PDB file of N, CA and C in Angstrom:
ATOM      1  N   MET A   1      18.541   9.151  -8.223  1.00  0.00           N
ATOM      2  CA  MET A   1      18.291   8.776  -9.021  1.00  0.00           C
ATOM      3  C   MET A   1      18.920   9.063 -10.578  1.00  0.00           C
ATOM      4  N   ASP A   2      19.788   8.223 -10.900  1.00  0.00           N
ATOM      5  CA  ASP A   2      20.110   8.691 -12.495  1.00  0.00           C
ATOM      6  C   ASP A   2      20.261   8.166 -13.830  1.00  0.00           C
ATOM      7  N   ARG A   3      20.551   8.241 -14.749  1.00  0.00           N
ATOM      8  CA  ARG A   3      19.504   7.683 -15.871  1.00  0.00           C
ATOM      9  C   ARG A   3      19.847   6.190 -16.079  1.00  0.00           C
ATOM     10  N   SER A   4      20.700   5.395 -15.117  1.00  0.00           N
ATOM     11  CA  SER A   4      21.287   3.740 -15.181  1.00  0.00           C
ATOM     12  C   SER A   4      20.336   3.351 -14.876  1.00  0.00           C
ATOM     13  N   ASP A   5      19.171   3.984 -13.844  1.00  0.00           N
ATOM     14  CA  ASP A   5      18.681   3.052 -13.176  1.00  0.00           C
ATOM     15  C   ASP A   5      17.208   2.816 -13.752  1.00  0.00           C
ATOM     16  N   GLU A   6      16.918   3.736 -14.767  1.00  0.00           N
ATOM     17  CA  GLU A   6      16.068   4.067 -15.693  1.00  0.00           C
ATOM     18  C   GLU A   6      15.799   2.319 -16.027  1.00  0.00           C
ATOM     19  N   PRO A   7      16.783   1.788 -17.090  1.00  0.00           N
ATOM     20  CA  PRO A   7      16.219   0.631 -17.522  1.00  0.00           C
ATOM     21  C   PRO A   7      15.647  -0.642 -16.580  1.00  0.00           C
ATOM     22  N   SER A   8      16.538  -0.369 -15.087  1.00  0.00           N
ATOM     23  CA  SER A   8      16.412  -1.563 -14.365  1.00  0.00           C
ATOM     24  C   SER A   8      15.001  -1.482 -13.758  1.00  0.00           C
ATOM     25  N   ALA A   9      14.670  -0.179 -13.774  1.00  0.00           N
ATOM     26  CA  ALA A   9      12.934  -0.131 -13.095  1.00  0.00           C
ATOM     27  C   ALA A   9      11.910  -0.509 -13.980  1.00  0.00           C
ATOM     28  N   PHE A  10      12.816  -0.043 -15.084  1.00  0.00           N
ATOM     29  CA  PHE A  10      11.282  -0.443 -16.671  1.00  0.00           C
ATOM     30  C   PHE A  10      11.294  -2.658 -16.666  1.00  0.00           C
ATOM     31  N   ALA A  11      12.529  -2.816 -16.327  1.00  0.00           N
ATOM     32  CA  ALA A  11      12.796  -4.232 -16.177  1.00  0.00           C
ATOM     33  C   ALA A  11      11.774  -4.805 -14.821  1.00  0.00           C
ATOM     34  N   TRP A  12      11.601  -3.897 -13.752  1.00  0.00           N
ATOM     35  CA  TRP A  12      10.915  -4.313 -12.869  1.00  0.00           C
ATOM     36  C   TRP A  12       9.558  -4.622 -12.976  1.00  0.00           C
ATOM     37  N   ILE A  13       9.459  -3.381 -13.514  1.00  0.00           N
ATOM     38  CA  ILE A  13       7.644  -3.183 -13.812  1.00  0.00           C
ATOM     39  C   ILE A  13       7.250  -3.843 -14.663  1.00  0.00           C
ATOM     40  N   MET A  14       7.932  -4.611 -16.051  1.00  0.00           N
ATOM     41  CA  MET A  14       7.387  -5.365 -16.910  1.00  0.00           C
ATOM     42  C   MET A  14       7.979  -6.894 -16.563  1.00  0.00           C
ATOM     43  N   SER A  15       8.521  -7.188 -15.171  1.00  0.00           N
ATOM     44  CA  SER A  15       8.479  -8.385 -15.348  1.00  0.00           C
ATOM     45  C   SER A  15       7.372  -8.699 -14.129  1.00  0.00           C
ATOM     46  N   GLY A  16       6.908  -7.506 -13.198  1.00  0.00           N
ATOM     47  CA  GLY A  16       5.689  -7.821 -12.602  1.00  0.00           C
ATOM     48  C   GLY A  16       4.430  -7.721 -12.938  1.00  0.00           C
ATOM     49  N   THR A  17       4.127  -7.075 -14.275  1.00  0.00           N
ATOM     50  CA  THR A  17       3.210  -6.983 -15.402  1.00  0.00           C
ATOM     51  C   THR A  17       2.966  -8.381 -15.946  1.00  0.00           C
ATOM     52  N   VAL A  18       4.385  -8.763 -16.713  1.00  0.00           N
ATOM     53  CA  VAL A  18       4.079 -10.309 -16.812  1.00  0.00           C
ATOM     54  C   VAL A  18       3.657 -11.337 -16.017  1.00  0.00           C
ATOM     55  N   ALA A  19       4.523 -11.237 -14.944  1.00  0.00           N
ATOM     56  CA  ALA A  19       3.941 -11.964 -13.854  1.00  0.00           C
ATOM     57  C   ALA A  19       2.450 -11.957 -13.245  1.00  0.00           C
ATOM     58  N   VAL A  20       1.631 -10.805 -13.402  1.00  0.00           N
ATOM     59  CA  VAL A  20       0.340 -10.517 -13.141  1.00  0.00           C
ATOM     60  C   VAL A  20      -0.603 -10.822 -14.269  1.00  0.00           C
ATOM     61  N   VAL A  21      -0.175 -11.226 -15.132  1.00  0.00           N
ATOM     62  CA  VAL A  21      -1.030 -11.631 -16.749  1.00  0.00           C
ATOM     63  C   VAL A  21      -0.479 -13.020 -17.000  1.00  0.00           C
ATOM     64  N   VAL A  22       0.194 -13.601 -16.022  1.00  0.00           N
ATOM     65  CA  VAL A  22       0.489 -14.847 -16.247  1.00  0.00           C
ATOM     66  C   VAL A  22      -0.575 -15.763 -15.032  1.00  0.00           C
ATOM     67  N   ALA A  23      -0.531 -15.022 -13.974  1.00  0.00           N
ATOM     68  CA  ALA A  23      -1.387 -15.295 -13.010  1.00  0.00           C
ATOM     69  C   ALA A  23      -3.036 -15.449 -13.095  1.00  0.00           C
ATOM     70  N   GLY A  24      -2.975 -14.090 -13.968  1.00  0.00           N
ATOM     71  CA  GLY A  24      -4.348 -14.474 -14.289  1.00  0.00           C
ATOM     72  C   GLY A  24      -4.950 -15.099 -15.541  1.00  0.00           C
ATOM     73  N   GLY A  25      -3.893 -15.315 -16.306  1.00  0.00           N
ATOM     74  CA  GLY A  25      -3.958 -16.207 -17.375  1.00  0.00           C
ATOM     75  C   GLY A  25      -4.302 -17.697 -16.676  1.00  0.00           C
ATOM     76  N   LEU A  26      -3.618 -18.600 -15.533  1.00  0.00           N
ATOM     77  CA  LEU A  26      -3.658 -19.652 -14.645  1.00  0.00           C
ATOM     78  C   LEU A  26      -5.108 -19.602 -14.205  1.00  0.00           C
ATOM     79  N   GLY A  27      -5.384 -18.593 -13.343  1.00  0.00           N
ATOM     80  CA  GLY A  27      -6.870 -18.260 -12.733  1.00  0.00           C
ATOM     81  C   GLY A  27      -7.921 -18.788 -13.830  1.00  0.00           C
ATOM     82  N   LYS A  28      -7.857 -18.283 -14.551  1.00  0.00           N
ATOM     83  CA  LYS A  28      -8.904 -17.964 -15.751  1.00  0.00           C
ATOM     84  C   LYS A  28      -9.195 -19.414 -16.275  1.00  0.00           C
ATOM     85  N   PHE A  29      -8.105 -20.223 -16.566  1.00  0.00           N
ATOM     86  CA  PHE A  29      -7.982 -21.846 -16.684  1.00  0.00           C
ATOM     87  C   PHE A  29      -8.680 -22.562 -15.267  1.00  0.00           C
ATOM     88  N   LEU A  30      -8.106 -22.365 -14.392  1.00  0.00           N
ATOM     89  CA  LEU A  30      -8.744 -23.160 -13.100  1.00  0.00           C
ATOM     90  C   LEU A  30     -10.281 -23.023 -13.209  1.00  0.00           C
ATOM     91  N   LEU A  31     -10.441 -21.334 -13.543  1.00  0.00           N
ATOM     92  CA  LEU A  31     -12.085 -21.498 -13.201  1.00  0.00           C
ATOM     93  C   LEU A  31     -13.136 -22.109 -14.398  1.00  0.00           C
ATOM     94  N   ASP A  32     -12.309 -22.222 -15.346  1.00  0.00           N
ATOM     95  CA  ASP A  32     -13.024 -22.503 -16.710  1.00  0.00           C
ATOM     96  C   ASP A  32     -12.800 -23.935 -16.526  1.00  0.00           C
ATOM     97  N   ARG A  33     -11.926 -24.621 -16.179  1.00  0.00           N
ATOM     98  CA  ARG A  33     -11.962 -26.029 -15.763  1.00  0.00           C
ATOM     99  C   ARG A  33     -12.910 -26.517 -14.638  1.00  0.00           C
ATOM    100  N   ARG A  34     -13.279 -25.647 -13.539  1.00  0.00           N
ATOM    101  CA  ARG A  34     -14.362 -25.691 -12.284  1.00  0.00           C
ATOM    102  C   ARG A  34     -15.872 -25.864 -12.871  1.00  0.00           C
ATOM    103  N   HIS A  35     -15.531 -24.948 -14.115  1.00  0.00           N
ATOM    104  CA  HIS A  35     -16.868 -24.446 -14.509  1.00  0.00           C
ATOM    105  C   HIS A  35     -17.461 -25.746 -15.196  1.00  0.00           C
ATOM    106  N   ALA A  36     -16.639 -25.937 -15.991  1.00  0.00           N
ATOM    107  CA  ALA A  36     -16.885 -27.310 -17.122  1.00  0.00           C
ATOM    108  C   ALA A  36     -17.350 -28.542 -16.336  1.00  0.00           C
ATOM    109  N   ARG A  37     -16.527 -28.739 -15.133  1.00  0.00           N
ATOM    110  CA  ARG A  37     -16.661 -29.433 -14.777  1.00  0.00           C
ATOM    111  C   ARG A  37     -18.105 -29.562 -13.757  1.00  0.00           C
ATOM    112  N   ALA A  38     -18.538 -28.566 -13.827  1.00  0.00           N
ATOM    113  CA  ALA A  38     -20.283 -28.214 -12.500  1.00  0.00           C
ATOM    114  C   ALA A  38     -20.669 -28.440 -13.308  1.00  0.00           C
ATOM    115  N   ALA A  39     -20.783 -28.191 -14.579  1.00  0.00           N
ATOM    116  CA  ALA A  39     -21.261 -28.415 -15.628  1.00  0.00           C
ATOM    117  C   ALA A  39     -22.039 -29.794 -16.129  1.00  0.00           C
ATOM    118  N   GLN A  40     -20.977 -30.634 -16.323  1.00  0.00           N
ATOM    119  CA  GLN A  40     -20.867 -32.063 -16.542  1.00  0.00           C
ATOM    120  C   GLN A  40     -21.468 -32.768 -15.354  1.00  0.00           C
ATOM    121  N   GLU A  41     -21.048 -32.294 -14.098  1.00  0.00           N
ATOM    122  CA  GLU A  41     -21.803 -32.788 -12.896  1.00  0.00           C
ATOM    123  C   GLU A  41     -23.446 -32.770 -12.902  1.00  0.00           C
ATOM    124  N   ALA A  42     -23.651 -31.300 -12.932  1.00  0.00           N
ATOM    125  CA  ALA A  42     -25.244 -30.871 -13.198  1.00  0.00           C
ATOM    126  C   ALA A  42     -25.784 -31.918 -14.562  1.00  0.00           C
ATOM    127  N   GLU A  43     -25.461 -31.950 -15.577  1.00  0.00           N
ATOM    128  CA  GLU A  43     -25.849 -32.613 -16.581  1.00  0.00           C
ATOM    129  C   GLU A  43     -26.447 -34.354 -16.296  1.00  0.00           C
ATOM    130  N   ALA A  44     -24.830 -34.628 -15.711  1.00  0.00           N
ATOM    131  CA  ALA A  44     -25.144 -35.678 -14.996  1.00  0.00           C
ATOM    132  C   ALA A  44     -26.166 -36.139 -14.310  1.00  0.00           C
ATOM    133  N   ALA A  45     -26.566 -35.574 -13.299  1.00  0.00           N
ATOM    134  CA  ALA A  45     -27.316 -35.601 -12.086  1.00  0.00           C
ATOM    135  C   ALA A  45     -29.001 -35.139 -12.795  1.00  0.00           C
ATOM    136  N   ALA A  46     -28.874 -34.438 -13.793  1.00  0.00           N
ATOM    137  CA  ALA A  46     -30.588 -34.460 -14.726  1.00  0.00           C
ATOM    138  C   ALA A  46     -30.627 -35.516 -15.014  1.00  0.00           C
ATOM    139  N   ALA A  47     -29.217 -35.884 -16.022  1.00  0.00           N
ATOM    140  CA  ALA A  47     -30.150 -37.150 -16.552  1.00  0.00           C
ATOM    141  C   ALA A  47     -30.313 -38.163 -15.548  1.00  0.00           C
ATOM    142  N   THR A  48     -30.083 -38.860 -14.500  1.00  0.00           N
ATOM    143  CA  THR A  48     -30.308 -39.455 -13.181  1.00  0.00           C
ATOM    144  C   THR A  48     -31.512 -39.102 -13.213  1.00  0.00           C
ATOM    145  N   ALA A  49     -31.676 -38.085 -12.580  1.00  0.00           N
ATOM    146  CA  ALA A  49     -33.150 -37.748 -11.594  1.00  0.00           C
ATOM    147  C   ALA A  49     -34.009 -38.215 -13.528  1.00  0.00           C
ATOM    148  N   ALA A  50     -33.912 -38.153 -14.258  1.00  0.00           N
ATOM    149  CA  ALA A  50     -34.812 -38.484 -15.404  1.00  0.00           C
ATOM    150  C   ALA A  50     -35.387 -39.852 -15.237  1.00  0.00           C
ATOM    151  N   ASP A  51     -33.604 -40.357 -15.550  1.00  0.00           N
ATOM    152  CA  ASP A  51     -34.033 -41.612 -15.554  1.00  0.00           C
ATOM    153  C   ASP A  51     -34.968 -42.632 -14.611  1.00  0.00           C
ATOM    154  N   GLU A  52     -34.585 -42.058 -13.200  1.00  0.00           N
ATOM    155  CA  GLU A  52     -35.542 -42.322 -11.724  1.00  0.00           C
ATOM    156  C   GLU A  52     -36.778 -42.268 -11.868  1.00  0.00           C
ATOM    157  N   ALA A  53     -37.372 -40.850 -12.636  1.00  0.00           N
ATOM    158  CA  ALA A  53     -38.345 -40.535 -12.674  1.00  0.00           C
ATOM    159  C   ALA A  53     -39.553 -41.225 -13.567  1.00  0.00           C
ATOM    160  N   GLU A  54     -38.082 -41.730 -14.977  1.00  0.00           N
ATOM    161  CA  GLU A  54     -38.783 -42.809 -15.605  1.00  0.00           C
ATOM    162  C   GLU A  54     -39.209 -44.172 -15.298  1.00  0.00           C
ATOM    163  N   GLN A  55     -38.333 -44.536 -14.212  1.00  0.00           N
ATOM    164  CA  GLN A  55     -38.434 -45.936 -13.411  1.00  0.00           C
ATOM    165  C   GLN A  55     -39.280 -46.142 -12.719  1.00  0.00           C
ATOM    166  N   ALA A  56     -39.750 -45.050 -11.934  1.00  0.00           N
ATOM    167  CA  ALA A  56     -40.878 -44.751 -11.327  1.00  0.00           C
ATOM    168  C   ALA A  56     -42.282 -44.749 -11.887  1.00  0.00           C
ATOM    169  N   GLU A  57     -42.161 -44.070 -13.173  1.00  0.00           N
ATOM    170  CA  GLU A  57     -43.541 -44.253 -13.326  1.00  0.00           C
ATOM    171  C   GLU A  57     -44.189 -45.226 -14.144  1.00  0.00           C
ATOM    172  N   SER A  58     -42.918 -46.167 -15.468  1.00  0.00           N
ATOM    173  CA  SER A  58     -42.736 -47.285 -15.679  1.00  0.00           C
ATOM    174  C   SER A  58     -43.293 -48.625 -14.286  1.00  0.00           C
ATOM    175  N   GLU A  59     -42.939 -48.197 -13.045  1.00  0.00           N
ATOM    176  CA  GLU A  59     -43.527 -49.569 -11.799  1.00  0.00           C
ATOM    177  C   GLU A  59     -44.709 -49.067 -11.492  1.00  0.00           C
ATOM    178  N   GLY A  60     -44.738 -47.789 -11.578  1.00  0.00           N
ATOM    179  CA  GLY A  60     -46.608 -47.561 -11.198  1.00  0.00           C
ATOM    180  C   GLY A  60     -47.785 -48.024 -12.111  1.00  0.00           C
ATOM    181  N   HIS A  61     -47.503 -48.136 -13.144  1.00  0.00           N
ATOM    182  CA  HIS A  61     -48.675 -48.698 -14.144  1.00  0.00           C
ATOM    183  C   HIS A  61     -48.123 -49.666 -14.595  1.00  0.00           C
ATOM    184  N   PRO A  62     -49.364 -50.681 -14.435  1.00  0.00           N
ATOM    185  CA  PRO A  62     -49.098 -52.294 -14.735  1.00  0.00           C
ATOM    186  C   PRO A  62     -49.095 -51.912 -16.513  1.00  0.00           C
ATOM    187  N   SER A  63     -48.450 -52.955 -17.226  1.00  0.00           N
ATOM    188  CA  SER A  63     -48.401 -53.225 -18.726  1.00  0.00           C
ATOM    189  C   SER A  63     -49.478 -54.345 -19.364  1.00  0.00           C
TER     190      SER A  63
END
């Protein structure tokens, strides 16, 4: 390996590093989006359960 190969090797290493950083960023974005969706679904389920409990309670007591 002579000196002319060093810039080429450095370019390969840097391109691999950039690819890893981009892939990591994409993975984090997808996980964050999945986490946000799961939180919304949990919140909606809790609201539905609270509404059902309130409805059951109001049906159980005569006005």
